[in-house]
Every structure is written in C-alpha cells, then in structure tokens.
Amino acid sequence: MAFFKRYNGTTNARLVRVERTIWVLIYGGLLSVVVGSFLEQQEAQDASLFYQLGALAVGAGVVLIYVRSRMREKD
C-alpha cells in the first residue's frame, strides 16, 4: 500500500484550467515578491508595487484552491 494516493488528474477541461491557473498565480506571485525584494535596494517605489501585485496573485491562488476543492467532476 502506497503512502500517497496517485492522482491521475482530471479530463474535465474546466477543472484542468482552474488547476493550472492556481499554480501560475501562486508561483508567479512568489516570483514577483522575490523580484520586489531585489528591486527594494534601488527603487523602493517599484518594489512596493511588486510586493502588492505578488501578494494579490498569491491570495487569488489560495482562494482558487478553496474554490477548486468545492468543484466536482461531472461524470
């Protein structure tokens, strides 16, 4: 018996689109925060924009995780 269940994904195009969007938002937001931390040393105003947009993207990704958990695949 395996410790983790194997997730084969879904064939529903709508659910696949939501799952991809979730990870793009989360990783893109985190990358934006990292870029903002590098820009902070030179342009503080630009860095705050990157921080805000990154936090907004990560927050949207987390909300979409909750939305995806409530969606069901129709047979």
PDB file of N, CA and C in Angstrom:
ATOM      1  N   MET A   1       0.840  -1.181   0.000  1.00  0.00           N
ATOM      2  CA  MET A   1       0.000   0.000   0.000  1.00  0.00           C
ATOM      3  C   MET A   1       0.884   1.243   0.000  1.00  0.00           C
ATOM      4  N   ALA A   2       0.627   2.104  -0.932  1.00  0.00           N
ATOM      5  CA  ALA A   2       1.424   3.317  -1.065  1.00  0.00           C
ATOM      6  C   ALA A   2       1.019   4.337  -0.002  1.00  0.00           C
ATOM      7  N   PHE A   3       1.963   5.147   0.380  1.00  0.00           N
ATOM      8  CA  PHE A   3       1.679   6.172   1.388  1.00  0.00           C
ATOM      9  C   PHE A   3       0.789   7.265   0.816  1.00  0.00           C
ATOM     10  N   PHE A   4       1.072   7.685  -0.425  1.00  0.00           N
ATOM     11  CA  PHE A   4       0.275   8.705  -1.082  1.00  0.00           C
ATOM     12  C   PHE A   4      -0.563   8.065  -2.179  1.00  0.00           C
ATOM     13  N   LYS A   5      -1.765   8.551  -2.320  1.00  0.00           N
ATOM     14  CA  LYS A   5      -2.601   8.092  -3.418  1.00  0.00           C
ATOM     15  C   LYS A   5      -2.107   8.737  -4.703  1.00  0.00           C
ATOM     16  N   ARG A   6      -2.163   7.992  -5.772  1.00  0.00           N
ATOM     17  CA  ARG A   6      -1.747   8.537  -7.057  1.00  0.00           C
ATOM     18  C   ARG A   6      -2.887   9.372  -7.629  1.00  0.00           C
ATOM     19  N   TYR A   7      -2.566  10.586  -8.015  1.00  0.00           N
ATOM     20  CA  TYR A   7      -3.561  11.477  -8.610  1.00  0.00           C
ATOM     21  C   TYR A   7      -3.352  11.494 -10.104  1.00  0.00           C
ATOM     22  N   ASN A   8      -4.310  10.951 -10.832  1.00  0.00           N
ATOM     23  CA  ASN A   8      -4.191  10.872 -12.283  1.00  0.00           C
ATOM     24  C   ASN A   8      -4.702  12.113 -12.969  1.00  0.00           C
ATOM     25  N   GLY A   9      -5.196  13.044 -12.222  1.00  0.00           N
ATOM     26  CA  GLY A   9      -5.706  14.265 -12.818  1.00  0.00           C
ATOM     27  C   GLY A   9      -7.142  14.101 -13.267  1.00  0.00           C
ATOM     28  N   THR A  10      -7.598  15.046 -14.010  1.00  0.00           N
ATOM     29  CA  THR A  10      -8.961  15.036 -14.496  1.00  0.00           C
ATOM     30  C   THR A  10      -8.963  15.257 -16.002  1.00  0.00           C
ATOM     31  N   THR A  11     -10.017  14.836 -16.627  1.00  0.00           N
ATOM     32  CA  THR A  11     -10.145  15.064 -18.063  1.00  0.00           C
ATOM     33  C   THR A  11     -11.074  16.234 -18.348  1.00  0.00           C
ATOM     34  N   ASN A  12     -11.682  16.780 -17.316  1.00  0.00           N
ATOM     35  CA  ASN A  12     -12.579  17.921 -17.464  1.00  0.00           C
ATOM     36  C   ASN A  12     -11.737  19.170 -17.746  1.00  0.00           C
ATOM     37  N   ALA A  13     -11.942  19.780 -18.904  1.00  0.00           N
ATOM     38  CA  ALA A  13     -11.121  20.925 -19.319  1.00  0.00           C
ATOM     39  C   ALA A  13     -11.256  22.105 -18.365  1.00  0.00           C
ATOM     40  N   ARG A  14     -12.432  22.321 -17.826  1.00  0.00           N
ATOM     41  CA  ARG A  14     -12.641  23.439 -16.902  1.00  0.00           C
ATOM     42  C   ARG A  14     -11.825  23.273 -15.627  1.00  0.00           C
ATOM     43  N   LEU A  15     -11.802  22.058 -15.085  1.00  0.00           N
ATOM     44  CA  LEU A  15     -11.037  21.809 -13.865  1.00  0.00           C
ATOM     45  C   LEU A  15      -9.539  21.887 -14.118  1.00  0.00           C
ATOM     46  N   VAL A  16      -9.094  21.406 -15.262  1.00  0.00           N
ATOM     47  CA  VAL A  16      -7.667  21.492 -15.608  1.00  0.00           C
ATOM     48  C   VAL A  16      -7.243  22.949 -15.720  1.00  0.00           C
ATOM     49  N   ARG A  17      -8.089  23.779 -16.323  1.00  0.00           N
ATOM     50  CA  ARG A  17      -7.785  25.206 -16.466  1.00  0.00           C
ATOM     51  C   ARG A  17      -7.672  25.881 -15.106  1.00  0.00           C
ATOM     52  N   VAL A  18      -8.574  25.526 -14.187  1.00  0.00           N
ATOM     53  CA  VAL A  18      -8.523  26.110 -12.836  1.00  0.00           C
ATOM     54  C   VAL A  18      -7.257  25.670 -12.118  1.00  0.00           C
ATOM     55  N   GLU A  19      -6.918  24.386 -12.224  1.00  0.00           N
ATOM     56  CA  GLU A  19      -5.712  23.892 -11.551  1.00  0.00           C
ATOM     57  C   GLU A  19      -4.448  24.564 -12.079  1.00  0.00           C
ATOM     58  N   ARG A  20      -4.369  24.747 -13.371  1.00  0.00           N
ATOM     59  CA  ARG A  20      -3.197  25.427 -13.944  1.00  0.00           C
ATOM     60  C   ARG A  20      -3.142  26.886 -13.521  1.00  0.00           C
ATOM     61  N   THR A  21      -4.288  27.540 -13.502  1.00  0.00           N
ATOM     62  CA  THR A  21      -4.336  28.949 -13.097  1.00  0.00           C
ATOM     63  C   THR A  21      -3.901  29.122 -11.652  1.00  0.00           C
ATOM     64  N   ILE A  22      -4.292  28.186 -10.800  1.00  0.00           N
ATOM     65  CA  ILE A  22      -3.909  28.246  -9.386  1.00  0.00           C
ATOM     66  C   ILE A  22      -2.390  28.305  -9.259  1.00  0.00           C
ATOM     67  N   TRP A  23      -1.710  27.368  -9.900  1.00  0.00           N
ATOM     68  CA  TRP A  23      -0.262  27.305  -9.716  1.00  0.00           C
ATOM     69  C   TRP A  23       0.472  28.435 -10.424  1.00  0.00           C
ATOM     70  N   VAL A  24      -0.059  28.897 -11.531  1.00  0.00           N
ATOM     71  CA  VAL A  24       0.547  30.057 -12.186  1.00  0.00           C
ATOM     72  C   VAL A  24       0.454  31.278 -11.281  1.00  0.00           C
ATOM     73  N   LEU A  25      -0.705  31.485 -10.657  1.00  0.00           N
ATOM     74  CA  LEU A  25      -0.871  32.632  -9.762  1.00  0.00           C
ATOM     75  C   LEU A  25       0.032  32.530  -8.538  1.00  0.00           C
ATOM     76  N   ILE A  26       0.098  31.363  -7.931  1.00  0.00           N
ATOM     77  CA  ILE A  26       0.906  31.218  -6.716  1.00  0.00           C
ATOM     78  C   ILE A  26       2.395  31.388  -7.019  1.00  0.00           C
ATOM     79  N   TYR A  27       2.893  30.660  -8.002  1.00  0.00           N
ATOM     80  CA  TYR A  27       4.320  30.763  -8.305  1.00  0.00           C
ATOM     81  C   TYR A  27       4.688  32.111  -8.912  1.00  0.00           C
ATOM     82  N   GLY A  28       3.807  32.659  -9.744  1.00  0.00           N
ATOM     83  CA  GLY A  28       4.059  33.985 -10.296  1.00  0.00           C
ATOM     84  C   GLY A  28       4.068  35.057  -9.219  1.00  0.00           C
ATOM     85  N   GLY A  29       3.155  34.940  -8.256  1.00  0.00           N
ATOM     86  CA  GLY A  29       3.117  35.897  -7.156  1.00  0.00           C
ATOM     87  C   GLY A  29       4.351  35.813  -6.279  1.00  0.00           C
ATOM     88  N   LEU A  30       4.793  34.596  -5.992  1.00  0.00           N
ATOM     89  CA  LEU A  30       6.007  34.437  -5.186  1.00  0.00           C
ATOM     90  C   LEU A  30       7.233  34.957  -5.922  1.00  0.00           C
ATOM     91  N   LEU A  31       7.283  34.727  -7.229  1.00  0.00           N
ATOM     92  CA  LEU A  31       8.397  35.259  -8.025  1.00  0.00           C
ATOM     93  C   LEU A  31       8.374  36.783  -8.021  1.00  0.00           C
ATOM     94  N   SER A  32       7.191  37.361  -8.078  1.00  0.00           N
ATOM     95  CA  SER A  32       7.068  38.817  -8.039  1.00  0.00           C
ATOM     96  C   SER A  32       7.562  39.388  -6.705  1.00  0.00           C
ATOM     97  N   VAL A  33       7.271  38.696  -5.625  1.00  0.00           N
ATOM     98  CA  VAL A  33       7.750  39.153  -4.312  1.00  0.00           C
ATOM     99  C   VAL A  33       9.278  39.080  -4.247  1.00  0.00           C
ATOM    100  N   VAL A  34       9.853  38.028  -4.806  1.00  0.00           N
ATOM    101  CA  VAL A  34      11.322  37.898  -4.808  1.00  0.00           C
ATOM    102  C   VAL A  34      11.952  38.999  -5.652  1.00  0.00           C
ATOM    103  N   VAL A  35      11.375  39.283  -6.820  1.00  0.00           N
ATOM    104  CA  VAL A  35      11.893  40.368  -7.667  1.00  0.00           C
ATOM    105  C   VAL A  35      11.766  41.701  -6.932  1.00  0.00           C
ATOM    106  N   GLY A  36      10.670  41.892  -6.226  1.00  0.00           N
ATOM    107  CA  GLY A  36      10.492  43.116  -5.439  1.00  0.00           C
ATOM    108  C   GLY A  36      11.551  43.265  -4.362  1.00  0.00           C
ATOM    109  N   SER A  37      11.952  42.145  -3.759  1.00  0.00           N
ATOM    110  CA  SER A  37      12.990  42.241  -2.725  1.00  0.00           C
ATOM    111  C   SER A  37      14.339  42.636  -3.321  1.00  0.00           C
ATOM    112  N   PHE A  38      14.609  42.223  -4.557  1.00  0.00           N
ATOM    113  CA  PHE A  38      15.851  42.655  -5.208  1.00  0.00           C
ATOM    114  C   PHE A  38      15.776  44.111  -5.649  1.00  0.00           C
ATOM    115  N   LEU A  39      14.592  44.548  -6.071  1.00  0.00           N
ATOM    116  CA  LEU A  39      14.441  45.936  -6.504  1.00  0.00           C
ATOM    117  C   LEU A  39      14.413  46.922  -5.339  1.00  0.00           C
ATOM    118  N   GLU A  40      14.132  46.435  -4.155  1.00  0.00           N
ATOM    119  CA  GLU A  40      14.000  47.315  -2.997  1.00  0.00           C
ATOM    120  C   GLU A  40      15.270  48.120  -2.731  1.00  0.00           C
ATOM    121  N   GLN A  41      16.399  47.563  -3.065  1.00  0.00           N
ATOM    122  CA  GLN A  41      17.655  48.247  -2.815  1.00  0.00           C
ATOM    123  C   GLN A  41      17.846  49.455  -3.730  1.00  0.00           C
ATOM    124  N   GLN A  42      17.209  49.423  -4.911  1.00  0.00           N
ATOM    125  CA  GLN A  42      17.427  50.513  -5.856  1.00  0.00           C
ATOM    126  C   GLN A  42      16.201  51.402  -6.032  1.00  0.00           C
ATOM    127  N   GLU A  43      15.059  50.801  -6.211  1.00  0.00           N
ATOM    128  CA  GLU A  43      13.831  51.566  -6.455  1.00  0.00           C
ATOM    129  C   GLU A  43      12.759  51.108  -5.468  1.00  0.00           C
ATOM    130  N   ALA A  44      12.606  51.817  -4.382  1.00  0.00           N
ATOM    131  CA  ALA A  44      11.674  51.403  -3.337  1.00  0.00           C
ATOM    132  C   ALA A  44      10.219  51.475  -3.808  1.00  0.00           C
ATOM    133  N   GLN A  45       9.891  52.452  -4.629  1.00  0.00           N
ATOM    134  CA  GLN A  45       8.511  52.587  -5.097  1.00  0.00           C
ATOM    135  C   GLN A  45       8.126  51.424  -6.015  1.00  0.00           C
ATOM    136  N   ASP A  46       9.015  51.022  -6.909  1.00  0.00           N
ATOM    137  CA  ASP A  46       8.754  49.888  -7.784  1.00  0.00           C
ATOM    138  C   ASP A  46       8.669  48.590  -6.986  1.00  0.00           C
ATOM    139  N   ALA A  47       9.489  48.481  -5.962  1.00  0.00           N
ATOM    140  CA  ALA A  47       9.484  47.270  -5.143  1.00  0.00           C
ATOM    141  C   ALA A  47       8.146  47.098  -4.436  1.00  0.00           C
ATOM    142  N   SER A  48       7.581  48.175  -3.944  1.00  0.00           N
ATOM    143  CA  SER A  48       6.297  48.057  -3.254  1.00  0.00           C
ATOM    144  C   SER A  48       5.193  47.625  -4.222  1.00  0.00           C
ATOM    145  N   LEU A  49       5.283  48.045  -5.471  1.00  0.00           N
ATOM    146  CA  LEU A  49       4.322  47.592  -6.474  1.00  0.00           C
ATOM    147  C   LEU A  49       4.448  46.087  -6.699  1.00  0.00           C
ATOM    148  N   PHE A  50       5.677  45.594  -6.788  1.00  0.00           N
ATOM    149  CA  PHE A  50       5.887  44.159  -6.959  1.00  0.00           C
ATOM    150  C   PHE A  50       5.386  43.382  -5.747  1.00  0.00           C
ATOM    151  N   TYR A  51       5.626  43.907  -4.546  1.00  0.00           N
ATOM    152  CA  TYR A  51       5.123  43.256  -3.331  1.00  0.00           C
ATOM    153  C   TYR A  51       3.599  43.165  -3.350  1.00  0.00           C
ATOM    154  N   GLN A  52       2.955  44.255  -3.690  1.00  0.00           N
ATOM    155  CA  GLN A  52       1.491  44.283  -3.673  1.00  0.00           C
ATOM    156  C   GLN A  52       0.900  43.368  -4.737  1.00  0.00           C
ATOM    157  N   LEU A  53       1.426  43.429  -5.951  1.00  0.00           N
ATOM    158  CA  LEU A  53       0.906  42.567  -7.011  1.00  0.00           C
ATOM    159  C   LEU A  53       1.184  41.095  -6.715  1.00  0.00           C
ATOM    160  N   GLY A  54       2.340  40.806  -6.162  1.00  0.00           N
ATOM    161  CA  GLY A  54       2.671  39.425  -5.809  1.00  0.00           C
ATOM    162  C   GLY A  54       1.770  38.885  -4.718  1.00  0.00           C
ATOM    163  N   ALA A  55       1.526  39.698  -3.710  1.00  0.00           N
ATOM    164  CA  ALA A  55       0.638  39.265  -2.628  1.00  0.00           C
ATOM    165  C   ALA A  55      -0.784  39.071  -3.136  1.00  0.00           C
ATOM    166  N   LEU A  56      -1.223  39.933  -4.031  1.00  0.00           N
ATOM    167  CA  LEU A  56      -2.556  39.800  -4.614  1.00  0.00           C
ATOM    168  C   LEU A  56      -2.666  38.511  -5.436  1.00  0.00           C
ATOM    169  N   ALA A  57      -1.648  38.190  -6.203  1.00  0.00           N
ATOM    170  CA  ALA A  57      -1.663  36.967  -7.006  1.00  0.00           C
ATOM    171  C   ALA A  57      -1.652  35.716  -6.129  1.00  0.00           C
ATOM    172  N   VAL A  58      -0.835  35.704  -5.090  1.00  0.00           N
ATOM    173  CA  VAL A  58      -0.792  34.560  -4.184  1.00  0.00           C
ATOM    174  C   VAL A  58      -2.138  34.410  -3.472  1.00  0.00           C
ATOM    175  N   GLY A  59      -2.715  35.513  -3.042  1.00  0.00           N
ATOM    176  CA  GLY A  59      -4.029  35.465  -2.399  1.00  0.00           C
ATOM    177  C   GLY A  59      -5.103  34.924  -3.332  1.00  0.00           C
ATOM    178  N   ALA A  60      -5.078  35.340  -4.583  1.00  0.00           N
ATOM    179  CA  ALA A  60      -6.044  34.835  -5.563  1.00  0.00           C
ATOM    180  C   ALA A  60      -5.840  33.340  -5.789  1.00  0.00           C
ATOM    181  N   GLY A  61      -4.603  32.898  -5.805  1.00  0.00           N
ATOM    182  CA  GLY A  61      -4.324  31.470  -5.953  1.00  0.00           C
ATOM    183  C   GLY A  61      -4.847  30.651  -4.793  1.00  0.00           C
ATOM    184  N   VAL A  62      -4.695  31.167  -3.588  1.00  0.00           N
ATOM    185  CA  VAL A  62      -5.197  30.468  -2.403  1.00  0.00           C
ATOM    186  C   VAL A  62      -6.720  30.403  -2.427  1.00  0.00           C
ATOM    187  N   VAL A  63      -7.356  31.483  -2.829  1.00  0.00           N
ATOM    188  CA  VAL A  63      -8.816  31.477  -2.938  1.00  0.00           C
ATOM    189  C   VAL A  63      -9.261  30.462  -3.986  1.00  0.00           C
ATOM    190  N   LEU A  64      -8.544  30.384  -5.102  1.00  0.00           N
ATOM    191  CA  LEU A  64      -8.893  29.411  -6.132  1.00  0.00           C
ATOM    192  C   LEU A  64      -8.679  27.969  -5.666  1.00  0.00           C
ATOM    193  N   ILE A  65      -7.742  27.734  -4.764  1.00  0.00           N
ATOM    194  CA  ILE A  65      -7.593  26.392  -4.189  1.00  0.00           C
ATOM    195  C   ILE A  65      -8.864  26.015  -3.443  1.00  0.00           C
ATOM    196  N   TYR A  66      -9.410  26.934  -2.684  1.00  0.00           N
ATOM    197  CA  TYR A  66     -10.657  26.674  -1.973  1.00  0.00           C
ATOM    198  C   TYR A  66     -11.806  26.445  -2.959  1.00  0.00           C
ATOM    199  N   VAL A  67     -11.881  27.282  -3.987  1.00  0.00           N
ATOM    200  CA  VAL A  67     -12.937  27.131  -4.996  1.00  0.00           C
ATOM    201  C   VAL A  67     -12.807  25.779  -5.687  1.00  0.00           C
ATOM    202  N   ARG A  68     -11.590  25.388  -6.031  1.00  0.00           N
ATOM    203  CA  ARG A  68     -11.377  24.098  -6.703  1.00  0.00           C
ATOM    204  C   ARG A  68     -11.763  22.935  -5.797  1.00  0.00           C
ATOM    205  N   SER A  69     -11.542  23.068  -4.505  1.00  0.00           N
ATOM    206  CA  SER A  69     -11.894  21.984  -3.595  1.00  0.00           C
ATOM    207  C   SER A  69     -13.400  21.768  -3.523  1.00  0.00           C
ATOM    208  N   ARG A  70     -14.179  22.783  -3.858  1.00  0.00           N
ATOM    209  CA  ARG A  70     -15.635  22.678  -3.843  1.00  0.00           C
ATOM    210  C   ARG A  70     -16.211  22.251  -5.188  1.00  0.00           C
ATOM    211  N   MET A  71     -15.399  22.244  -6.226  1.00  0.00           N
ATOM    212  CA  MET A  71     -15.881  21.854  -7.552  1.00  0.00           C
ATOM    213  C   MET A  71     -15.857  20.334  -7.675  1.00  0.00           C
ATOM    214  N   ARG A  72     -16.842  19.797  -8.352  1.00  0.00           N
ATOM    215  CA  ARG A  72     -16.919  18.352  -8.565  1.00  0.00           C
ATOM    216  C   ARG A  72     -16.846  18.050 -10.056  1.00  0.00           C
ATOM    217  N   GLU A  73     -16.227  16.923 -10.346  1.00  0.00           N
ATOM    218  CA  GLU A  73     -16.147  16.478 -11.725  1.00  0.00           C
ATOM    219  C   GLU A  73     -17.441  15.761 -12.077  1.00  0.00           C
ATOM    220  N   LYS A  74     -18.073  16.224 -13.112  1.00  0.00           N
ATOM    221  CA  LYS A  74     -19.331  15.599 -13.530  1.00  0.00           C
ATOM    222  C   LYS A  74     -19.017  14.411 -14.426  1.00  0.00           C
ATOM    223  N   ASP A  75     -19.614  13.298 -14.118  1.00  0.00           N
ATOM    224  CA  ASP A  75     -19.394  12.087 -14.919  1.00  0.00           C
ATOM    225  C   ASP A  75     -20.212  12.074 -16.177  1.00  0.00           C
TER     226      ASP A  75
END
